[in-house]
Protein backbone atom coordinates (compact mmCIF):
# COMPACT_ATOMS: atom_id res chain seq x y z
CA UNK A 1 49.68 -117.67 -134.49
CA UNK A 2 46.74 -115.40 -133.55
CA UNK A 3 43.42 -117.21 -133.39
CA UNK A 4 42.00 -114.76 -135.86
CA UNK A 5 44.53 -115.90 -138.49
CA UNK A 6 43.89 -119.53 -137.72
CA UNK A 7 40.19 -119.09 -138.27
CA UNK A 8 40.91 -117.27 -141.56
CA UNK A 9 43.02 -120.17 -142.71
CA UNK A 10 40.33 -122.55 -141.87
CA UNK A 11 37.86 -120.59 -143.99
CA UNK A 12 40.27 -120.35 -146.81
CA UNK A 13 41.00 -124.01 -146.78
CA UNK A 14 44.65 -123.29 -147.00
CA UNK A 15 47.49 -123.19 -144.33
CA UNK A 16 50.36 -120.81 -145.05
CA UNK A 17 53.86 -121.99 -144.98
CA UNK A 18 55.08 -118.44 -144.59
CA UNK A 19 52.90 -116.59 -142.15
CA UNK A 20 54.73 -113.49 -143.15
CA UNK A 21 52.98 -113.62 -146.55
CA UNK A 22 49.60 -113.91 -145.00
CA UNK A 23 50.31 -110.89 -142.83
CA UNK A 24 51.46 -108.90 -145.68
CA UNK A 25 48.30 -109.63 -147.65
CA UNK A 26 46.22 -108.44 -144.76
CA UNK A 27 48.28 -105.26 -144.11
CA UNK A 28 46.57 -102.09 -145.50
CA UNK A 29 49.20 -99.17 -146.31
CA UNK A 30 47.64 -97.12 -143.47
CA UNK A 31 48.78 -99.67 -140.91
CA UNK A 32 52.28 -98.62 -141.31
CA UNK A 33 51.44 -95.09 -140.04
CA UNK A 34 50.86 -96.67 -136.60
CA UNK A 35 53.43 -99.52 -136.99
CA UNK A 36 56.20 -98.32 -139.14
CA UNK A 37 58.29 -101.44 -138.37
CA UNK A 38 55.33 -103.81 -139.30
CA UNK A 39 56.86 -104.95 -142.54
CA UNK A 40 55.45 -104.35 -146.14
CA UNK A 41 51.84 -103.52 -146.96
CA UNK A 42 49.88 -105.54 -149.49
CA UNK A 43 49.99 -103.27 -152.68
CA UNK A 44 52.77 -105.41 -154.31
CA UNK A 45 50.84 -108.51 -153.68
CA UNK A 46 47.74 -106.83 -154.88
CA UNK A 47 49.40 -106.23 -158.24
CA UNK A 48 50.53 -109.89 -158.61
CA UNK A 49 47.20 -111.29 -157.44
CA UNK A 50 45.19 -109.12 -160.06
CA UNK A 51 47.33 -111.07 -162.82
CA UNK A 52 46.80 -114.32 -161.34
CA UNK A 53 43.15 -113.89 -160.91
CA UNK A 54 42.65 -112.87 -164.53
CA UNK A 55 44.68 -115.78 -165.68
CA UNK A 56 42.82 -118.37 -163.55
CA UNK A 57 39.44 -117.07 -164.71
CA UNK A 58 40.49 -116.90 -168.37
CA UNK A 59 41.64 -120.50 -168.29
CA UNK A 60 38.54 -121.68 -166.28
CA UNK A 61 36.14 -119.93 -168.74
CA UNK A 62 38.03 -121.11 -171.75
CA UNK A 63 37.59 -124.65 -170.72
CA UNK A 64 34.06 -124.40 -169.37
CA UNK A 65 32.43 -122.57 -172.26
CA UNK A 66 33.98 -124.22 -175.25
CA UNK A 67 31.43 -122.84 -177.77
CA UNK A 68 31.51 -119.19 -176.69
CA UNK A 69 33.22 -116.39 -178.63
CA UNK A 70 35.99 -114.10 -177.26
CA UNK A 71 33.74 -111.23 -176.60
CA UNK A 72 31.32 -113.27 -174.48
CA UNK A 73 34.26 -114.81 -172.54
CA UNK A 74 35.80 -111.42 -171.98
CA UNK A 75 32.54 -110.09 -170.59
CA UNK A 76 32.19 -113.07 -168.33
CA UNK A 77 35.61 -112.69 -166.95
CA UNK A 78 34.92 -109.03 -166.34
CA UNK A 79 31.85 -109.90 -164.28
CA UNK A 80 33.83 -112.39 -162.19
CA UNK A 81 36.85 -110.02 -161.53
CA UNK A 82 35.25 -106.59 -161.14
CA UNK A 83 35.58 -104.54 -157.90
CA UNK A 84 32.06 -105.31 -156.67
CA UNK A 85 32.41 -109.13 -157.08
CA UNK A 86 35.83 -109.21 -155.48
CA UNK A 87 34.65 -107.15 -152.56
CA UNK A 88 31.74 -109.79 -152.19
CA UNK A 89 34.29 -112.49 -152.23
CA UNK A 90 36.53 -110.78 -149.65
CA UNK A 91 33.44 -110.51 -147.24
CA UNK A 92 32.44 -114.07 -147.87
CA UNK A 93 35.88 -115.24 -146.76
CA UNK A 94 35.85 -112.84 -143.73
CA UNK A 95 38.82 -110.80 -144.75
CA UNK A 96 37.33 -107.75 -143.26
CA UNK A 97 37.76 -109.04 -139.73
CA UNK A 98 41.46 -110.06 -140.39
CA UNK A 99 42.60 -106.87 -141.95
CA UNK A 100 45.44 -104.79 -140.41
CA UNK A 101 44.54 -101.08 -140.44
CA UNK A 102 45.52 -98.09 -138.76
CA UNK A 103 43.31 -96.82 -135.93
CA UNK A 104 41.96 -93.89 -137.80
CA UNK A 105 41.36 -96.03 -141.01
CA UNK A 106 39.47 -98.45 -138.83
CA UNK A 107 37.46 -95.76 -137.05
CA UNK A 108 36.29 -94.27 -140.24
CA UNK A 109 34.86 -97.43 -141.69
CA UNK A 110 38.00 -98.87 -143.60
CA UNK A 111 37.10 -102.53 -142.58
CA UNK A 112 33.99 -102.23 -144.67
CA UNK A 113 35.45 -100.13 -147.58
CA UNK A 114 35.11 -101.72 -150.87
CA UNK A 115 38.37 -100.76 -152.39
CA UNK A 116 40.16 -102.04 -149.23
CA UNK A 117 38.42 -105.46 -149.42
CA UNK A 118 38.89 -105.77 -153.22
CA UNK A 119 42.73 -105.04 -152.71
CA UNK A 120 42.89 -107.57 -149.81
CA UNK A 121 41.39 -110.27 -152.00
CA UNK A 122 43.86 -109.75 -154.79
CA UNK A 123 46.73 -109.69 -152.37
CA UNK A 124 45.59 -112.84 -150.82
CA UNK A 125 45.58 -114.58 -154.10
CA UNK A 126 49.04 -113.26 -154.89
CA UNK A 127 50.25 -114.49 -151.37
CA UNK A 128 48.89 -118.04 -151.94
CA UNK A 129 50.60 -118.14 -155.32
CA UNK A 130 53.97 -117.23 -153.86
CA UNK A 131 53.49 -119.53 -150.91
CA UNK A 132 52.55 -122.51 -152.93
CA UNK A 133 52.10 -122.68 -156.87
CA UNK A 134 49.71 -121.91 -159.62
CA UNK A 135 47.83 -125.19 -159.45
CA UNK A 136 47.15 -124.79 -155.64
CA UNK A 137 45.96 -121.20 -155.89
CA UNK A 138 43.77 -122.23 -158.76
CA UNK A 139 42.09 -124.98 -156.78
CA UNK A 140 41.51 -122.78 -153.78
CA UNK A 141 40.20 -119.76 -155.74
CA UNK A 142 37.75 -121.77 -158.04
CA UNK A 143 36.54 -123.54 -154.64
CA UNK A 144 35.75 -120.06 -153.36
CA UNK A 145 33.92 -119.19 -156.31
CA UNK A 146 31.88 -122.34 -156.66
CA UNK A 147 30.19 -123.32 -159.84
CA UNK A 148 31.00 -120.37 -162.41
CA UNK A 149 27.83 -121.03 -164.35
CA UNK A 150 25.72 -120.25 -161.33
CA UNK A 151 27.75 -117.22 -160.30
CA UNK A 152 27.53 -115.86 -163.78
CA UNK A 153 23.75 -116.42 -164.05
CA UNK A 154 23.06 -114.49 -160.93
CA UNK A 155 25.58 -111.70 -161.65
CA UNK A 156 24.71 -111.25 -165.26
CA UNK A 157 20.79 -111.48 -164.83
CA UNK A 158 21.10 -108.67 -162.15
CA UNK A 159 23.53 -106.53 -164.15
CA UNK A 160 22.01 -106.54 -167.61
CA UNK A 161 18.76 -108.70 -167.81
CA UNK A 162 17.74 -107.58 -171.25
CA UNK A 163 21.14 -108.43 -172.63
CA UNK A 164 21.23 -111.85 -170.77
CA UNK A 165 17.83 -112.62 -172.18
CA UNK A 166 18.72 -111.71 -175.80
CA UNK A 167 21.88 -113.93 -175.36
CA UNK A 168 19.78 -116.87 -174.37
CA UNK A 169 17.16 -116.48 -177.15
CA UNK A 170 19.36 -115.38 -180.08
CA UNK A 171 21.10 -118.82 -180.96
CA UNK A 172 17.81 -120.49 -181.50
CA UNK A 173 15.48 -117.78 -182.59
CA UNK A 174 17.58 -114.91 -184.07
CA UNK A 175 18.04 -111.30 -183.27
CA UNK A 176 14.49 -110.12 -183.78
CA UNK A 177 12.52 -112.73 -181.83
CA UNK A 178 12.05 -110.62 -178.68
CA UNK A 179 9.55 -107.86 -178.44
CA UNK A 180 8.79 -105.46 -175.52
CA UNK A 181 5.34 -103.89 -175.45
CA UNK A 182 3.88 -101.37 -173.08
CA UNK A 183 0.62 -102.81 -171.96
CA UNK A 184 -0.61 -100.16 -169.60
CA UNK A 185 0.35 -96.84 -167.97
CA UNK A 186 -0.95 -95.29 -164.77
CA UNK A 187 -0.31 -92.36 -162.46
CA UNK A 188 -0.04 -88.58 -163.13
CA UNK A 189 2.44 -87.28 -165.68
CA UNK A 190 5.05 -86.52 -163.12
CA UNK A 191 4.87 -89.97 -161.52
CA UNK A 192 4.07 -92.35 -164.42
CA UNK A 193 4.01 -96.10 -163.87
CA UNK A 194 4.65 -98.35 -166.83
CA UNK A 195 3.60 -101.91 -167.39
CA UNK A 196 5.60 -103.79 -169.94
CA UNK A 197 5.39 -107.35 -171.32
CA UNK A 198 8.11 -109.17 -173.27
CA UNK A 199 7.28 -111.70 -175.90
CA UNK A 200 9.07 -114.34 -177.74
CA UNK A 201 7.17 -114.11 -181.04
CA UNK A 202 3.71 -114.23 -179.82
CA UNK A 203 4.44 -116.03 -176.44
CA UNK A 204 4.43 -113.77 -173.32
CA UNK A 205 7.66 -114.51 -171.26
CA UNK A 206 7.28 -112.02 -168.51
CA UNK A 207 5.93 -108.71 -167.29
CA UNK A 208 7.23 -105.82 -165.28
CA UNK A 209 6.42 -102.36 -164.08
CA UNK A 210 8.53 -99.22 -163.28
CA UNK A 211 8.78 -95.44 -163.38
CA UNK A 212 10.18 -95.57 -166.92
CA UNK A 213 9.88 -97.81 -169.95
CA UNK A 214 13.40 -98.83 -169.46
CA UNK A 215 12.98 -99.97 -165.92
CA UNK A 216 9.87 -101.74 -166.72
CA UNK A 217 11.50 -103.58 -169.63
CA UNK A 218 14.50 -104.69 -167.35
CA UNK A 219 11.99 -105.98 -164.83
CA UNK A 220 10.10 -107.91 -167.38
CA UNK A 221 13.42 -109.39 -168.79
CA UNK A 222 14.33 -110.51 -165.39
CA UNK A 223 10.88 -112.24 -165.00
CA UNK A 224 11.38 -113.93 -168.35
CA UNK A 225 14.74 -115.17 -167.34
CA UNK A 226 13.17 -116.75 -164.31
CA UNK A 227 10.48 -118.39 -166.42
CA UNK A 228 12.95 -119.84 -168.71
CA UNK A 229 15.26 -121.26 -166.15
CA UNK A 230 12.22 -122.97 -164.46
CA UNK A 231 11.06 -124.49 -167.60
CA UNK A 232 14.63 -125.64 -168.47
CA UNK A 233 14.94 -127.25 -164.90
CA UNK A 234 11.72 -128.98 -165.46
CA UNK A 235 12.89 -130.33 -168.81
CA UNK A 236 16.17 -131.64 -167.27
CA UNK A 237 14.50 -132.97 -164.10
CA UNK A 238 10.92 -134.08 -164.94
CA UNK A 239 10.30 -135.48 -161.51
CA UNK A 240 10.82 -132.09 -160.08
CA UNK A 241 7.48 -130.90 -161.30
CA UNK A 242 5.58 -134.00 -160.23
């Protein structure tokens, strides 16, 4: 087996019984233009892998977040299975280096193309499922993801900091506890800079600035999330602050 595939299997933590399945998962449709006898490309495995990923994440989130409502679980699954996230996972595993592409596709940046990497990750999951069983692919996939709570915290904070902050505050303090206030503006009319503070009742949680109130509020919310996480860590591990 080529050294490139051995190295990939080492990163995956999984050795294929059928090397043909691994090659199929790594084969972009364009590869058959240059190598028509190379075998199937990865689109069928991509279709299967997408469903397997959705099921594994649904099951894992259902078991992990036992008090969350359906809507929250659905949103979290979407965060962990969207194209950008799967592309990141593919890069983390080094799938880009192992892909089989046509020369023209490779020369035009296909190895770094997000849609190609997303498809390859889905196809890889489908291939491991066919090569083993659901329990095995679940164990491998969740190992690649790492702690879901940590992945979600980083992704959700970055994607929607105001919504994430509201979600953290609402259960204990209600819907109207957060308040955003413009504390200063500067710059000419065509290049305004806004300074915003976010308050929990009368307690300032964070501040932020930006070229619009919306951006400044998002930056302030991100700062507030950091404040709350640091405070939570100190409460859970008092010695860390000593």
